[in-house]
């Protein structure tokens, strides 16, 4: 079978892992005759597998666009992750390869003076995260949680290769188009900032980067707004909080 590669900036960073121990386990034979089933009767094993909760599979997410059509009413947090120097190098290498597939890599500019908004370290809701980055209140209040929103990001806001989604929320109607995603990466903070800076520039956003109060990026155009905050998390991982919204025309 021939392998192929998708453009990483157009990849969606969510793919699925069916959960639930025993989801594919067949029941033991009892020796009793089973009633005949109609051809229209769904296989219970398949039905259970298809209806089990879904979860992000971080190692496959950057390779798969199929999850863009997924939706689920139940979300599960990822297990605790730990980073190390080898994982940081791997994340950096994959990030650079992903960017190089669509062009040369721009260096980070000098950090802008002042602070790039507030630290998001003490903010724990998508609504408050959005409000802290300037999203209109009537739009921020529409945010609804769901990993599916991490699959519905435009190229300018794509997540890093091997990014582990922690939480996602979003809303979409004629008056409000918004995505709020928090994810983990083993990459160093400046590498994560470099990745999002290049995506923002390729989307022709007017972009500034900041070193305080944590690594931050703002990108704007006539109708698009992007805000990215990057800070150290636990276990040698970085936390990337991303808000992306569009202003109705």
C-alpha atoms as a PDB file:
ATOM      1  CA  UNK A   1       0.000   0.000   0.000  1.00  0.00           C
ATOM      2  CA  UNK A   2       1.446   3.345  -0.964  1.00  0.00           C
ATOM      3  CA  UNK A   3       1.782   5.939   1.784  1.00  0.00           C
ATOM      4  CA  UNK A   4       1.139   9.582   1.164  1.00  0.00           C
ATOM      5  CA  UNK A   5       1.625  12.805   3.115  1.00  0.00           C
ATOM      6  CA  UNK A   6      -0.872  15.579   3.596  1.00  0.00           C
ATOM      7  CA  UNK A   7       0.118  19.208   3.904  1.00  0.00           C
ATOM      8  CA  UNK A   8       0.648  19.642   7.668  1.00  0.00           C
ATOM      9  CA  UNK A   9      -0.754  23.171   7.753  1.00  0.00           C
ATOM     10  CA  UNK A  10      -3.986  21.727   6.371  1.00  0.00           C
ATOM     11  CA  UNK A  11      -3.971  18.743   8.661  1.00  0.00           C
ATOM     12  CA  UNK A  12      -6.426  18.667  11.479  1.00  0.00           C
ATOM     13  CA  UNK A  13      -4.808  17.690  14.710  1.00  0.00           C
ATOM     14  CA  UNK A  14      -7.519  15.431  16.036  1.00  0.00           C
ATOM     15  CA  UNK A  15      -7.925  11.736  15.281  1.00  0.00           C
ATOM     16  CA  UNK A  16      -9.791   9.180  17.301  1.00  0.00           C
ATOM     17  CA  UNK A  17      -9.139   6.331  19.647  1.00  0.00           C
ATOM     18  CA  UNK A  18     -12.108   4.212  20.565  1.00  0.00           C
ATOM     19  CA  UNK A  19     -12.384   3.947  24.330  1.00  0.00           C
ATOM     20  CA  UNK A  20     -14.020   1.617  26.726  1.00  0.00           C
ATOM     21  CA  UNK A  21     -12.367  -1.630  27.831  1.00  0.00           C
ATOM     22  CA  UNK A  22     -14.092  -4.554  26.266  1.00  0.00           C
ATOM     23  CA  UNK A  23     -15.619  -2.439  23.510  1.00  0.00           C
ATOM     24  CA  UNK A  24     -14.594  -5.034  20.955  1.00  0.00           C
ATOM     25  CA  UNK A  25     -14.755  -8.120  23.181  1.00  0.00           C
ATOM     26  CA  UNK A  26     -17.231 -10.743  22.155  1.00  0.00           C
ATOM     27  CA  UNK A  27     -19.467 -12.301  24.784  1.00  0.00           C
ATOM     28  CA  UNK A  28     -18.671 -15.867  25.776  1.00  0.00           C
ATOM     29  CA  UNK A  29     -20.632 -18.652  24.188  1.00  0.00           C
ATOM     30  CA  UNK A  30     -23.372 -20.024  26.405  1.00  0.00           C
ATOM     31  CA  UNK A  31     -24.349 -22.949  24.241  1.00  0.00           C
ATOM     32  CA  UNK A  32     -27.922 -21.691  24.065  1.00  0.00           C
ATOM     33  CA  UNK A  33     -29.497 -21.028  20.706  1.00  0.00           C
ATOM     34  CA  UNK A  34     -29.596 -17.371  19.752  1.00  0.00           C
ATOM     35  CA  UNK A  35     -32.727 -15.918  18.149  1.00  0.00           C
ATOM     36  CA  UNK A  36     -32.426 -15.213  14.457  1.00  0.00           C
ATOM     37  CA  UNK A  37     -31.698 -11.574  13.653  1.00  0.00           C
ATOM     38  CA  UNK A  38     -33.069  -9.527  10.842  1.00  0.00           C
ATOM     39  CA  UNK A  39     -30.480  -8.372   8.272  1.00  0.00           C
ATOM     40  CA  UNK A  40     -31.362  -4.848   9.397  1.00  0.00           C
ATOM     41  CA  UNK A  41     -30.416  -5.560  13.038  1.00  0.00           C
ATOM     42  CA  UNK A  42     -27.070  -3.858  13.800  1.00  0.00           C
ATOM     43  CA  UNK A  43     -24.224  -5.951  15.138  1.00  0.00           C
ATOM     44  CA  UNK A  44     -24.108  -5.103  18.884  1.00  0.00           C
ATOM     45  CA  UNK A  45     -20.296  -5.155  18.930  1.00  0.00           C
ATOM     46  CA  UNK A  46     -20.093  -2.699  16.056  1.00  0.00           C
ATOM     47  CA  UNK A  47     -22.848  -0.559  17.554  1.00  0.00           C
ATOM     48  CA  UNK A  48     -21.021  -0.336  20.858  1.00  0.00           C
ATOM     49  CA  UNK A  49     -17.710   0.507  19.206  1.00  0.00           C
ATOM     50  CA  UNK A  50     -19.282   3.257  17.131  1.00  0.00           C
ATOM     51  CA  UNK A  51     -21.090   4.783  20.086  1.00  0.00           C
ATOM     52  CA  UNK A  52     -18.305   4.656  22.647  1.00  0.00           C
ATOM     53  CA  UNK A  53     -16.812   8.023  23.674  1.00  0.00           C
ATOM     54  CA  UNK A  54     -14.026   9.387  21.513  1.00  0.00           C
ATOM     55  CA  UNK A  55     -10.676  10.769  22.562  1.00  0.00           C
ATOM     56  CA  UNK A  56      -7.720  12.454  20.954  1.00  0.00           C
ATOM     57  CA  UNK A  57      -4.924  10.130  19.834  1.00  0.00           C
ATOM     58  CA  UNK A  58      -1.954  12.537  19.924  1.00  0.00           C
ATOM     59  CA  UNK A  59       0.513  10.354  18.017  1.00  0.00           C
ATOM     60  CA  UNK A  60      -1.843   9.973  15.036  1.00  0.00           C
ATOM     61  CA  UNK A  61      -3.601  13.311  15.154  1.00  0.00           C
ATOM     62  CA  UNK A  62      -1.275  15.212  12.858  1.00  0.00           C
ATOM     63  CA  UNK A  63      -1.586  12.544  10.150  1.00  0.00           C
ATOM     64  CA  UNK A  64      -5.349  12.407   9.800  1.00  0.00           C
ATOM     65  CA  UNK A  65      -8.051  14.731   8.524  1.00  0.00           C
ATOM     66  CA  UNK A  66     -10.899  12.250   8.836  1.00  0.00           C
ATOM     67  CA  UNK A  67     -11.796  13.437  12.330  1.00  0.00           C
ATOM     68  CA  UNK A  68     -12.963  16.767  10.955  1.00  0.00           C
ATOM     69  CA  UNK A  69     -16.465  15.293  10.678  1.00  0.00           C
ATOM     70  CA  UNK A  70     -16.563  13.762  14.151  1.00  0.00           C
ATOM     71  CA  UNK A  71     -18.776  14.849  16.971  1.00  0.00           C
ATOM     72  CA  UNK A  72     -19.354  13.384  20.404  1.00  0.00           C
ATOM     73  CA  UNK A  73     -21.267  14.343  23.490  1.00  0.00           C
ATOM     74  CA  UNK A  74     -18.709  12.930  25.929  1.00  0.00           C
ATOM     75  CA  UNK A  75     -15.156  14.144  26.368  1.00  0.00           C
ATOM     76  CA  UNK A  76     -12.383  12.520  28.386  1.00  0.00           C
ATOM     77  CA  UNK A  77      -9.199  14.201  29.580  1.00  0.00           C
ATOM     78  CA  UNK A  78      -5.889  12.799  28.433  1.00  0.00           C
ATOM     79  CA  UNK A  79      -3.642  11.006  30.920  1.00  0.00           C
ATOM     80  CA  UNK A  80      -0.775  12.873  32.548  1.00  0.00           C
ATOM     81  CA  UNK A  81       2.069  13.313  30.080  1.00  0.00           C
ATOM     82  CA  UNK A  82       5.765  13.809  30.721  1.00  0.00           C
ATOM     83  CA  UNK A  83       8.298  15.427  28.415  1.00  0.00           C
ATOM     84  CA  UNK A  84      12.055  15.124  28.105  1.00  0.00           C
ATOM     85  CA  UNK A  85      14.878  16.416  25.937  1.00  0.00           C
ATOM     86  CA  UNK A  86      14.417  13.696  23.316  1.00  0.00           C
ATOM     87  CA  UNK A  87      10.697  14.458  22.992  1.00  0.00           C
ATOM     88  CA  UNK A  88      11.460  18.180  22.725  1.00  0.00           C
ATOM     89  CA  UNK A  89      13.892  17.542  19.865  1.00  0.00           C
ATOM     90  CA  UNK A  90      11.409  15.265  18.125  1.00  0.00           C
ATOM     91  CA  UNK A  91       8.635  17.847  18.433  1.00  0.00           C
ATOM     92  CA  UNK A  92      10.949  20.568  17.117  1.00  0.00           C
ATOM     93  CA  UNK A  93      12.073  18.445  14.157  1.00  0.00           C
ATOM     94  CA  UNK A  94       8.511  17.495  13.219  1.00  0.00           C
ATOM     95  CA  UNK A  95       7.402  21.110  13.564  1.00  0.00           C
ATOM     96  CA  UNK A  96      10.129  22.317  11.221  1.00  0.00           C
ATOM     97  CA  UNK A  97       9.441  19.570   8.679  1.00  0.00           C
ATOM     98  CA  UNK A  98       5.761  20.449   8.744  1.00  0.00           C
ATOM     99  CA  UNK A  99       6.492  24.101   8.062  1.00  0.00           C
ATOM    100  CA  UNK A 100       9.075  23.368   5.360  1.00  0.00           C
ATOM    101  CA  UNK A 101       6.540  21.376   3.342  1.00  0.00           C
ATOM    102  CA  UNK A 102       4.720  24.642   2.614  1.00  0.00           C
ATOM    103  CA  UNK A 103       7.670  27.019   2.298  1.00  0.00           C
ATOM    104  CA  UNK A 104      10.642  28.486   4.088  1.00  0.00           C
ATOM    105  CA  UNK A 105      10.597  29.142   7.827  1.00  0.00           C
ATOM    106  CA  UNK A 106      10.615  32.737   9.000  1.00  0.00           C
ATOM    107  CA  UNK A 107      12.712  33.556  12.048  1.00  0.00           C
ATOM    108  CA  UNK A 108      10.983  35.010  15.066  1.00  0.00           C
ATOM    109  CA  UNK A 109      11.116  38.816  15.053  1.00  0.00           C
ATOM    110  CA  UNK A 110      12.186  40.848  18.041  1.00  0.00           C
ATOM    111  CA  UNK A 111       9.737  40.592  20.884  1.00  0.00           C
ATOM    112  CA  UNK A 112       7.319  43.497  21.042  1.00  0.00           C
ATOM    113  CA  UNK A 113       7.616  45.876  23.959  1.00  0.00           C
ATOM    114  CA  UNK A 114       5.174  45.570  26.802  1.00  0.00           C
ATOM    115  CA  UNK A 115       3.039  42.574  27.594  1.00  0.00           C
ATOM    116  CA  UNK A 116       0.967  40.441  25.259  1.00  0.00           C
ATOM    117  CA  UNK A 117      -2.187  40.457  27.332  1.00  0.00           C
ATOM    118  CA  UNK A 118      -2.573  38.650  30.638  1.00  0.00           C
ATOM    119  CA  UNK A 119      -1.216  35.317  31.758  1.00  0.00           C
ATOM    120  CA  UNK A 120      -3.718  32.500  31.297  1.00  0.00           C
ATOM    121  CA  UNK A 121      -2.186  30.363  34.052  1.00  0.00           C
ATOM    122  CA  UNK A 122      -5.022  31.071  36.479  1.00  0.00           C
ATOM    123  CA  UNK A 123      -7.885  30.912  33.966  1.00  0.00           C
ATOM    124  CA  UNK A 124      -9.739  27.604  33.781  1.00  0.00           C
ATOM    125  CA  UNK A 125     -12.783  28.177  31.571  1.00  0.00           C
ATOM    126  CA  UNK A 126     -12.955  28.681  27.815  1.00  0.00           C
ATOM    127  CA  UNK A 127     -15.246  31.664  28.268  1.00  0.00           C
ATOM    128  CA  UNK A 128     -12.860  33.468  30.610  1.00  0.00           C
ATOM    129  CA  UNK A 129      -9.920  32.619  28.358  1.00  0.00           C
ATOM    130  CA  UNK A 130     -11.751  34.139  25.396  1.00  0.00           C
ATOM    131  CA  UNK A 131     -12.793  37.257  27.300  1.00  0.00           C
ATOM    132  CA  UNK A 132      -9.208  37.803  28.480  1.00  0.00           C
ATOM    133  CA  UNK A 133      -8.085  37.930  24.849  1.00  0.00           C
ATOM    134  CA  UNK A 134     -10.695  40.447  23.725  1.00  0.00           C
ATOM    135  CA  UNK A 135     -13.434  38.226  22.329  1.00  0.00           C
ATOM    136  CA  UNK A 136     -16.816  40.019  22.494  1.00  0.00           C
ATOM    137  CA  UNK A 137     -18.857  38.834  25.483  1.00  0.00           C
ATOM    138  CA  UNK A 138     -21.889  37.749  23.457  1.00  0.00           C
ATOM    139  CA  UNK A 139     -19.619  35.490  21.396  1.00  0.00           C
ATOM    140  CA  UNK A 140     -17.586  34.134  24.327  1.00  0.00           C
ATOM    141  CA  UNK A 141     -20.765  33.071  26.119  1.00  0.00           C
ATOM    142  CA  UNK A 142     -21.697  30.795  23.226  1.00  0.00           C
ATOM    143  CA  UNK A 143     -18.627  28.565  23.648  1.00  0.00           C
ATOM    144  CA  UNK A 144     -19.477  24.888  24.084  1.00  0.00           C
ATOM    145  CA  UNK A 145     -16.951  22.231  25.068  1.00  0.00           C
ATOM    146  CA  UNK A 146     -16.043  19.381  22.725  1.00  0.00           C
ATOM    147  CA  UNK A 147     -12.843  17.908  21.273  1.00  0.00           C
ATOM    148  CA  UNK A 148     -14.443  18.186  17.834  1.00  0.00           C
ATOM    149  CA  UNK A 149     -13.720  21.924  17.853  1.00  0.00           C
ATOM    150  CA  UNK A 150      -9.989  21.176  17.753  1.00  0.00           C
ATOM    151  CA  UNK A 151     -10.643  19.562  14.361  1.00  0.00           C
ATOM    152  CA  UNK A 152     -12.382  22.666  13.071  1.00  0.00           C
ATOM    153  CA  UNK A 153      -9.456  25.070  13.115  1.00  0.00           C
ATOM    154  CA  UNK A 154      -8.385  27.070  10.093  1.00  0.00           C
ATOM    155  CA  UNK A 155      -4.828  26.757   8.810  1.00  0.00           C
ATOM    156  CA  UNK A 156      -3.762  29.898  10.665  1.00  0.00           C
ATOM    157  CA  UNK A 157      -4.555  28.223  13.979  1.00  0.00           C
ATOM    158  CA  UNK A 158      -3.440  24.631  13.367  1.00  0.00           C
ATOM    159  CA  UNK A 159      -1.908  22.774  16.299  1.00  0.00           C
ATOM    160  CA  UNK A 160       1.673  21.555  16.399  1.00  0.00           C
ATOM    161  CA  UNK A 161       2.554  18.019  15.291  1.00  0.00           C
ATOM    162  CA  UNK A 162       2.224  15.660  18.261  1.00  0.00           C
ATOM    163  CA  UNK A 163       0.190  18.257  20.142  1.00  0.00           C
ATOM    164  CA  UNK A 164      -1.941  16.646  22.877  1.00  0.00           C
ATOM    165  CA  UNK A 165      -5.318  18.360  23.133  1.00  0.00           C
ATOM    166  CA  UNK A 166      -6.307  19.036  26.752  1.00  0.00           C
ATOM    167  CA  UNK A 167      -9.605  20.809  26.121  1.00  0.00           C
ATOM    168  CA  UNK A 168     -11.475  22.453  23.279  1.00  0.00           C
ATOM    169  CA  UNK A 169     -14.563  24.583  22.853  1.00  0.00           C
ATOM    170  CA  UNK A 170     -16.193  26.506  20.064  1.00  0.00           C
ATOM    171  CA  UNK A 171     -19.265  28.061  18.542  1.00  0.00           C
ATOM    172  CA  UNK A 172     -20.414  28.624  14.986  1.00  0.00           C
ATOM    173  CA  UNK A 173     -23.309  30.713  13.731  1.00  0.00           C
ATOM    174  CA  UNK A 174     -23.898  33.794  11.627  1.00  0.00           C
ATOM    175  CA  UNK A 175     -22.840  36.102  14.458  1.00  0.00           C
ATOM    176  CA  UNK A 176     -20.073  34.136  16.141  1.00  0.00           C
ATOM    177  CA  UNK A 177     -17.316  31.903  14.808  1.00  0.00           C
ATOM    178  CA  UNK A 178     -14.846  31.016  17.549  1.00  0.00           C
ATOM    179  CA  UNK A 179     -12.470  28.243  18.622  1.00  0.00           C
ATOM    180  CA  UNK A 180     -10.734  27.909  21.990  1.00  0.00           C
ATOM    181  CA  UNK A 181      -8.195  25.093  22.326  1.00  0.00           C
ATOM    182  CA  UNK A 182      -5.639  24.218  24.982  1.00  0.00           C
ATOM    183  CA  UNK A 183      -2.992  21.641  24.154  1.00  0.00           C
ATOM    184  CA  UNK A 184       0.304  20.236  25.433  1.00  0.00           C
ATOM    185  CA  UNK A 185       3.567  19.974  23.540  1.00  0.00           C
ATOM    186  CA  UNK A 186       6.995  18.688  24.476  1.00  0.00           C
ATOM    187  CA  UNK A 187       8.552  21.418  22.298  1.00  0.00           C
ATOM    188  CA  UNK A 188      10.304  24.347  23.896  1.00  0.00           C
ATOM    189  CA  UNK A 189       8.285  27.521  24.258  1.00  0.00           C
ATOM    190  CA  UNK A 190      10.184  29.403  21.549  1.00  0.00           C
ATOM    191  CA  UNK A 191       9.717  26.528  19.111  1.00  0.00           C
ATOM    192  CA  UNK A 192       5.963  26.551  19.716  1.00  0.00           C
ATOM    193  CA  UNK A 193       5.940  30.314  19.260  1.00  0.00           C
ATOM    194  CA  UNK A 194       7.928  29.991  16.023  1.00  0.00           C
ATOM    195  CA  UNK A 195       5.399  27.508  14.663  1.00  0.00           C
ATOM    196  CA  UNK A 196       2.364  29.657  15.362  1.00  0.00           C
ATOM    197  CA  UNK A 197       4.160  32.785  14.152  1.00  0.00           C
ATOM    198  CA  UNK A 198       4.842  31.190  10.767  1.00  0.00           C
ATOM    199  CA  UNK A 199       1.254  29.994  10.393  1.00  0.00           C
ATOM    200  CA  UNK A 200      -0.061  33.445  11.255  1.00  0.00           C
ATOM    201  CA  UNK A 201       2.233  35.142   8.761  1.00  0.00           C
ATOM    202  CA  UNK A 202       1.306  32.674   6.024  1.00  0.00           C
ATOM    203  CA  UNK A 203      -2.328  33.562   6.680  1.00  0.00           C
ATOM    204  CA  UNK A 204      -1.332  37.218   6.159  1.00  0.00           C
ATOM    205  CA  UNK A 205      -2.164  38.239   9.701  1.00  0.00           C
ATOM    206  CA  UNK A 206      -0.528  41.293  11.223  1.00  0.00           C
ATOM    207  CA  UNK A 207       1.460  39.569  13.932  1.00  0.00           C
ATOM    208  CA  UNK A 208       3.275  40.527  17.139  1.00  0.00           C
ATOM    209  CA  UNK A 209       5.101  38.250  19.555  1.00  0.00           C
ATOM    210  CA  UNK A 210       5.730  38.904  23.238  1.00  0.00           C
ATOM    211  CA  UNK A 211       7.920  37.457  25.969  1.00  0.00           C
ATOM    212  CA  UNK A 212       5.808  38.709  28.890  1.00  0.00           C
ATOM    213  CA  UNK A 213       3.944  37.708  30.967  1.00  0.00           C
ATOM    214  CA  UNK A 214       4.517  34.464  29.030  1.00  0.00           C
ATOM    215  CA  UNK A 215       5.262  33.756  25.396  1.00  0.00           C
ATOM    216  CA  UNK A 216       2.335  35.186  23.469  1.00  0.00           C
ATOM    217  CA  UNK A 217       1.301  35.967  19.914  1.00  0.00           C
ATOM    218  CA  UNK A 218      -1.424  38.160  18.515  1.00  0.00           C
ATOM    219  CA  UNK A 219      -2.487  38.085  14.884  1.00  0.00           C
ATOM    220  CA  UNK A 220      -5.190  40.144  13.217  1.00  0.00           C
ATOM    221  CA  UNK A 221      -6.593  40.977   9.829  1.00  0.00           C
ATOM    222  CA  UNK A 222      -9.766  42.742   8.792  1.00  0.00           C
ATOM    223  CA  UNK A 223     -11.999  39.962  10.093  1.00  0.00           C
ATOM    224  CA  UNK A 224      -9.723  37.377  11.755  1.00  0.00           C
ATOM    225  CA  UNK A 225      -8.249  37.404  15.256  1.00  0.00           C
ATOM    226  CA  UNK A 226      -5.723  34.980  16.715  1.00  0.00           C
ATOM    227  CA  UNK A 227      -4.234  34.871  20.208  1.00  0.00           C
ATOM    228  CA  UNK A 228      -1.758  32.254  21.404  1.00  0.00           C
ATOM    229  CA  UNK A 229      -0.279  31.952  24.899  1.00  0.00           C
ATOM    230  CA  UNK A 230       2.551  29.533  25.707  1.00  0.00           C
ATOM    231  CA  UNK A 231       3.823  28.728  29.180  1.00  0.00           C
ATOM    232  CA  UNK A 232       5.642  25.986  31.048  1.00  0.00           C
ATOM    233  CA  UNK A 233       3.448  23.215  32.410  1.00  0.00           C
ATOM    234  CA  UNK A 234       4.221  20.244  34.585  1.00  0.00           C
ATOM    235  CA  UNK A 235       6.511  17.349  33.687  1.00  0.00           C
ATOM    236  CA  UNK A 236       8.612  19.268  31.147  1.00  0.00           C
ATOM    237  CA  UNK A 237       5.633  20.008  28.914  1.00  0.00           C
ATOM    238  CA  UNK A 238       4.458  23.331  27.517  1.00  0.00           C
ATOM    239  CA  UNK A 239       0.829  24.469  27.629  1.00  0.00           C
ATOM    240  CA  UNK A 240      -0.426  26.263  24.517  1.00  0.00           C
ATOM    241  CA  UNK A 241      -3.731  28.134  24.792  1.00  0.00           C
ATOM    242  CA  UNK A 242      -5.171  29.296  21.492  1.00  0.00           C
ATOM    243  CA  UNK A 243      -8.156  31.520  20.707  1.00  0.00           C
ATOM    244  CA  UNK A 244      -9.242  32.046  17.101  1.00  0.00           C
ATOM    245  CA  UNK A 245     -12.313  33.985  16.110  1.00  0.00           C
ATOM    246  CA  UNK A 246     -13.785  35.772  13.125  1.00  0.00           C
ATOM    247  CA  UNK A 247     -15.680  39.036  13.053  1.00  0.00           C
ATOM    248  CA  UNK A 248     -18.877  38.827  10.956  1.00  0.00           C
ATOM    249  CA  UNK A 249     -18.864  41.078   7.898  1.00  0.00           C
END
